[in-house]
Every structure is written in structure tokens, then in C-alpha cells.
Protein backbone atom coordinates (compact mmCIF):
# COMPACT_ATOMS: atom_id res chain seq x y z
CA MET A 1 -133.88 47.06 -156.38
CA PRO A 2 -133.04 43.41 -157.08
CA ARG A 3 -131.14 41.63 -154.31
CA ALA A 4 -128.30 40.64 -156.63
CA LEU A 5 -127.79 44.25 -157.69
CA ARG A 6 -127.81 45.44 -154.04
CA ARG A 7 -125.11 42.89 -153.20
CA HIS A 8 -122.97 44.04 -156.09
CA LEU A 9 -123.36 47.69 -155.09
CA CYS A 10 -122.47 46.82 -151.49
CA ALA A 11 -119.39 44.96 -152.66
CA LEU A 12 -118.41 47.92 -154.86
CA ARG A 13 -118.74 50.34 -151.92
CA MET A 14 -116.60 48.07 -149.75
CA LEU A 15 -114.00 47.87 -152.50
CA LEU A 16 -113.87 51.67 -152.80
CA VAL A 17 -113.67 52.19 -149.02
CA PHE A 18 -110.88 49.66 -148.48
CA THR A 19 -109.03 50.95 -151.55
CA LEU A 20 -109.04 54.44 -150.04
CA VAL A 21 -108.07 53.19 -146.57
CA THR A 22 -105.39 50.63 -147.43
CA GLY A 23 -104.27 51.99 -150.79
CA VAL A 24 -104.26 55.74 -150.10
CA ALA A 25 -104.73 56.75 -146.46
CA TYR A 26 -102.51 54.09 -144.86
CA PRO A 27 -99.52 54.53 -147.24
CA LEU A 28 -99.73 58.32 -146.87
CA ALA A 29 -99.88 58.04 -143.07
CA VAL A 30 -96.92 55.64 -142.88
CA THR A 31 -94.90 57.76 -145.31
CA GLY A 32 -95.67 60.94 -143.37
CA ILE A 33 -94.74 59.40 -140.01
CA ALA A 34 -91.52 57.95 -141.46
CA GLN A 35 -90.50 61.29 -142.98
CA LEU A 36 -91.27 63.06 -139.70
CA LEU A 37 -89.60 60.65 -137.27
CA LEU A 38 -86.99 58.76 -139.36
CA PRO A 39 -86.25 60.81 -142.50
CA GLU A 40 -82.73 59.42 -142.99
CA GLN A 41 -83.86 55.79 -142.89
CA ALA A 42 -87.04 56.48 -144.88
CA ASN A 43 -85.00 57.98 -147.71
CA GLY A 44 -82.64 55.03 -148.03
CA SER A 45 -79.88 55.77 -145.47
CA MET A 46 -77.88 57.50 -148.17
CA VAL A 47 -74.15 58.18 -147.86
CA ARG A 48 -73.02 61.58 -149.11
CA THR A 49 -69.59 62.94 -150.01
CA ASP A 50 -69.31 66.69 -150.64
CA GLY A 51 -73.09 66.85 -150.79
CA ALA A 52 -73.40 64.20 -153.51
CA GLU A 53 -75.05 60.84 -152.88
CA VAL A 54 -72.46 58.08 -153.38
CA GLY A 55 -74.45 55.09 -152.16
CA SER A 56 -76.49 53.67 -149.33
CA ARG A 57 -75.07 52.36 -146.08
CA LEU A 58 -77.54 49.47 -146.41
CA ILE A 59 -76.37 48.23 -149.83
CA GLY A 60 -72.86 47.13 -150.76
CA GLN A 61 -71.08 48.29 -153.87
CA ASN A 62 -67.94 47.49 -155.80
CA PHE A 63 -64.88 49.70 -155.56
CA ASP A 64 -63.22 49.12 -158.90
CA VAL A 65 -60.65 50.86 -161.05
CA ALA A 66 -62.63 53.20 -163.30
CA PRO A 67 -63.23 53.48 -166.09
CA ALA A 68 -62.75 49.90 -167.22
CA PRO A 69 -61.80 49.58 -170.91
CA ALA A 70 -64.53 48.25 -173.16
CA GLY A 71 -64.75 44.47 -173.11
CA ILE A 72 -62.44 44.13 -170.08
CA PRO A 73 -63.97 43.13 -166.72
CA PRO A 74 -63.58 45.78 -164.00
CA ARG A 75 -60.65 45.33 -161.63
CA PRO A 76 -60.79 46.02 -157.87
CA ASP A 77 -59.03 49.24 -156.88
CA ALA A 78 -56.20 48.66 -154.40
CA ARG A 79 -56.85 52.08 -152.87
CA TRP A 80 -60.17 50.97 -151.40
CA PHE A 81 -61.37 48.31 -148.99
CA GLN A 82 -63.14 45.66 -151.00
CA PRO A 83 -66.54 44.12 -150.15
CA ARG A 84 -67.50 40.47 -150.18
CA PRO A 85 -68.70 38.95 -153.47
CA SER A 86 -72.27 39.55 -154.59
CA ALA A 87 -74.66 37.15 -156.30
CA ALA A 88 -77.18 39.97 -156.94
CA VAL A 89 -76.09 40.76 -160.48
CA SER A 90 -78.12 42.86 -162.92
CA PRO A 91 -78.63 41.86 -166.58
CA ARG A 92 -75.85 44.33 -167.43
CA GLY A 93 -73.48 42.48 -165.12
CA ASP A 94 -73.47 45.04 -162.29
CA ALA A 95 -73.17 43.49 -158.83
CA TYR A 96 -75.14 44.57 -155.74
CA ASP A 97 -78.24 45.17 -157.85
CA PRO A 98 -81.04 46.02 -155.34
CA GLY A 99 -83.62 44.96 -157.88
CA ASN A 100 -82.17 41.47 -158.06
CA SER A 101 -81.47 40.54 -154.45
CA THR A 102 -80.52 36.87 -154.31
CA ALA A 103 -78.07 34.29 -153.06
CA SER A 104 -76.18 31.98 -155.41
CA ASN A 105 -78.29 29.01 -154.19
CA LEU A 106 -75.29 26.74 -154.79
CA GLY A 107 -74.59 24.00 -152.24
CA PRO A 108 -71.16 23.39 -150.68
CA ASN A 109 -70.52 20.43 -152.99
CA ASN A 110 -71.46 22.27 -156.17
CA ALA A 111 -68.52 22.06 -158.60
CA ASP A 112 -69.04 25.61 -159.90
CA LEU A 113 -69.06 27.03 -156.38
CA VAL A 114 -65.94 25.07 -155.41
CA ARG A 115 -64.09 26.37 -158.48
CA SER A 116 -65.20 29.96 -157.94
CA ILE A 117 -64.13 29.89 -154.29
CA ALA A 118 -60.71 28.51 -155.24
CA ALA A 119 -60.31 31.25 -157.86
CA ARG A 120 -61.42 33.97 -155.42
CA ARG A 121 -59.06 32.65 -152.75
CA ALA A 122 -56.09 32.82 -155.09
CA HIS A 123 -57.05 36.31 -156.31
CA VAL A 124 -57.69 37.79 -152.86
CA ALA A 125 -54.48 36.28 -151.46
CA ALA A 126 -52.41 37.77 -154.28
CA PHE A 127 -54.25 41.11 -154.16
CA ASP A 128 -53.82 41.55 -150.39
CA GLY A 129 -50.43 39.87 -150.15
CA VAL A 130 -51.44 37.13 -147.70
CA ARG A 131 -51.34 33.34 -147.67
CA PRO A 132 -54.34 31.66 -149.33
CA GLN A 133 -55.18 29.77 -146.15
CA ASP A 134 -55.45 33.07 -144.27
CA VAL A 135 -58.20 34.53 -146.47
CA PRO A 136 -61.44 34.88 -144.42
CA ALA A 137 -64.55 33.04 -145.56
CA ASP A 138 -66.55 36.22 -146.19
CA ALA A 139 -64.00 37.27 -148.83
CA LEU A 140 -64.95 34.16 -150.80
CA THR A 141 -68.72 33.81 -150.43
CA ALA A 142 -71.69 36.08 -151.09
CA SER A 143 -74.25 36.96 -148.46
CA GLY A 144 -77.77 35.55 -148.50
CA SER A 145 -79.19 38.77 -149.96
CA GLY A 146 -76.27 39.54 -152.24
CA LEU A 147 -76.49 43.15 -151.00
CA ASP A 148 -74.79 43.05 -147.59
CA PRO A 149 -72.38 46.01 -147.23
CA HIS A 150 -70.58 44.38 -144.27
CA ILE A 151 -67.41 42.34 -144.05
CA SER A 152 -65.76 40.73 -141.04
CA PRO A 153 -63.22 42.73 -139.01
CA ALA A 154 -60.67 40.04 -139.98
CA TYR A 155 -61.16 40.75 -143.68
CA ALA A 156 -61.02 44.52 -143.14
CA ARG A 157 -57.79 44.23 -141.13
CA GLN A 158 -56.30 41.96 -143.79
CA GLN A 159 -56.83 44.70 -146.37
CA ALA A 160 -55.37 47.51 -144.24
CA ALA A 161 -51.75 46.99 -145.32
CA ARG A 162 -52.65 46.97 -149.02
CA VAL A 163 -54.77 50.13 -148.70
CA ALA A 164 -52.03 51.90 -146.72
CA ARG A 165 -49.42 51.08 -149.38
CA ALA A 166 -51.67 52.15 -152.25
CA ARG A 167 -52.48 55.48 -150.61
CA GLY A 168 -49.11 56.17 -149.03
CA LEU A 169 -50.65 56.31 -145.57
CA PRO A 170 -49.19 55.06 -142.27
CA LEU A 171 -50.40 51.54 -141.58
CA ASP A 172 -51.28 52.38 -137.97
CA ARG A 173 -53.58 55.15 -139.19
CA VAL A 174 -55.46 52.82 -141.51
CA ARG A 175 -55.72 50.14 -138.85
CA ALA A 176 -57.13 52.70 -136.42
CA LEU A 177 -59.71 53.66 -139.04
CA VAL A 178 -60.79 50.03 -139.33
CA SER A 179 -61.05 49.70 -135.55
CA ARG A 180 -63.34 52.73 -135.37
CA HIS A 181 -65.70 51.11 -137.85
CA VAL A 182 -66.04 47.73 -136.14
CA GLU A 183 -69.70 47.35 -135.16
CA GLY A 184 -70.56 45.09 -132.23
CA ARG A 185 -73.13 42.31 -132.03
CA TYR A 186 -76.79 43.34 -131.95
CA PHE A 187 -77.90 43.71 -128.32
CA GLY A 188 -74.48 42.41 -127.34
CA PHE A 189 -75.09 38.79 -128.36
CA LEU A 190 -76.85 38.51 -131.75
CA GLY A 191 -74.86 38.09 -134.96
CA GLN A 192 -71.18 38.81 -135.43
CA GLU A 193 -68.95 41.86 -135.29
CA ARG A 194 -68.82 43.54 -138.69
CA VAL A 195 -67.47 46.48 -140.68
CA ASN A 196 -69.57 48.50 -143.12
CA VAL A 197 -67.35 48.86 -146.20
CA VAL A 198 -69.36 51.73 -147.67
CA GLU A 199 -69.01 53.84 -144.53
CA LEU A 200 -65.38 52.78 -144.06
CA ASN A 201 -64.45 53.87 -147.57
CA GLN A 202 -66.34 57.11 -147.19
CA GLU A 203 -64.17 58.11 -144.24
CA LEU A 204 -61.09 56.73 -146.02
CA SER A 205 -61.70 59.09 -148.93
CA GLY A 206 -61.03 62.01 -146.61
CA LEU A 207 -57.60 60.71 -145.53
CA GLY A 208 -55.91 61.06 -148.90
């Protein structure tokens, strides 16, 4: 057999072997181990209400008044805690699109970013009934991924009074709910304290 042909056959065998190992055996092994040891995480850390999947605790979502009339932008629902803005917008205009994870990539001196922050500040202040200067930064800016479901405890506590009024609940009860959902720093010193809005609203839905 010619040497060139032997080399090509050897290369073809190597291609087939590594395709089976890295393209079939390895993915199946990793998937099987994940389903055996960490099934909740492997399946997307889904949040369920009455047995129905309503989202993932890893991906933020909007809590708007539904349904929005045709041609009118959706409005945030006062009955729910609101997330931070998202730059991960789908072609249809839906925020928190996991297939389009991105930041705005706008610098602090960008005129469009400055205008949008000013508009968000005025809206959030009026919506929550607070002074514009008291609105936390995470209520005005998107996360680096555009998908972060977390907000600061300060922003969650700011919204408590508005949520309590909209739902007719005692303010102390809503504040206690927020306190239960404050997550500490990783390993006690990495990152910041945070509140997962998706999980917070899931428990809120059971209060009335």
C-alpha cells in the first residue's frame, strides 16, 4: 500500500476514534454524571409554581403588566419586585434573552447611556415613590451578561413599600420576605450581598 494512502487511512482512523471519544463518549459521560449528581443544576435550575416552570433562578426576567396592548411598550407591574435593566434583548425586543447575552458596551461618558440612566432614574423614583438621588445604581445599569437575576438588597428594600401597597400586604411582612432572600458574599468575602428577584417573586406570589 502506498505510504501516502497509509497516512491518510491512519489520519482517518484517528479522526473516527477522537470523534467517538470527544464527540460521543465524553458528552454522554458528563451528561450522565450531571443528571445523577446534580439534576437540578443540569436541567437549568428551573423555578416552578404549581408544577409549572416559570423561569430559571439563573436568568432574570421582566415582571410586566400583561398583556400589553399592541404597539404599546410593556409596563412594569407594581405588584412585583422589578429586576435591573437588561442589555440582552432579542430581535423581538424581549429582554433577558439567553441567546443574546451581552452588556451595553457603552462607556460612562456615552451620551446615549447618560440619557438612558437619567430617564431610568426619573422613572424608578416615580414608580417606587423615592427621591431620584436615592435610587441605587443597579436599578439604572445592566449587568455585564445582561441576564443577572440579582439586585442589591438596597434596591429590593426600596421596592418593598410599593409592593406592599399594590398587594394590600403589611409592609413589615414584605420587608421580612426581602430579608429572607438576601444572599451573603461568596465564601464570606467575594462579591456583594444580593437578592434573586426570580426567587423573591416566586415566594411573593404565595402571599397574595
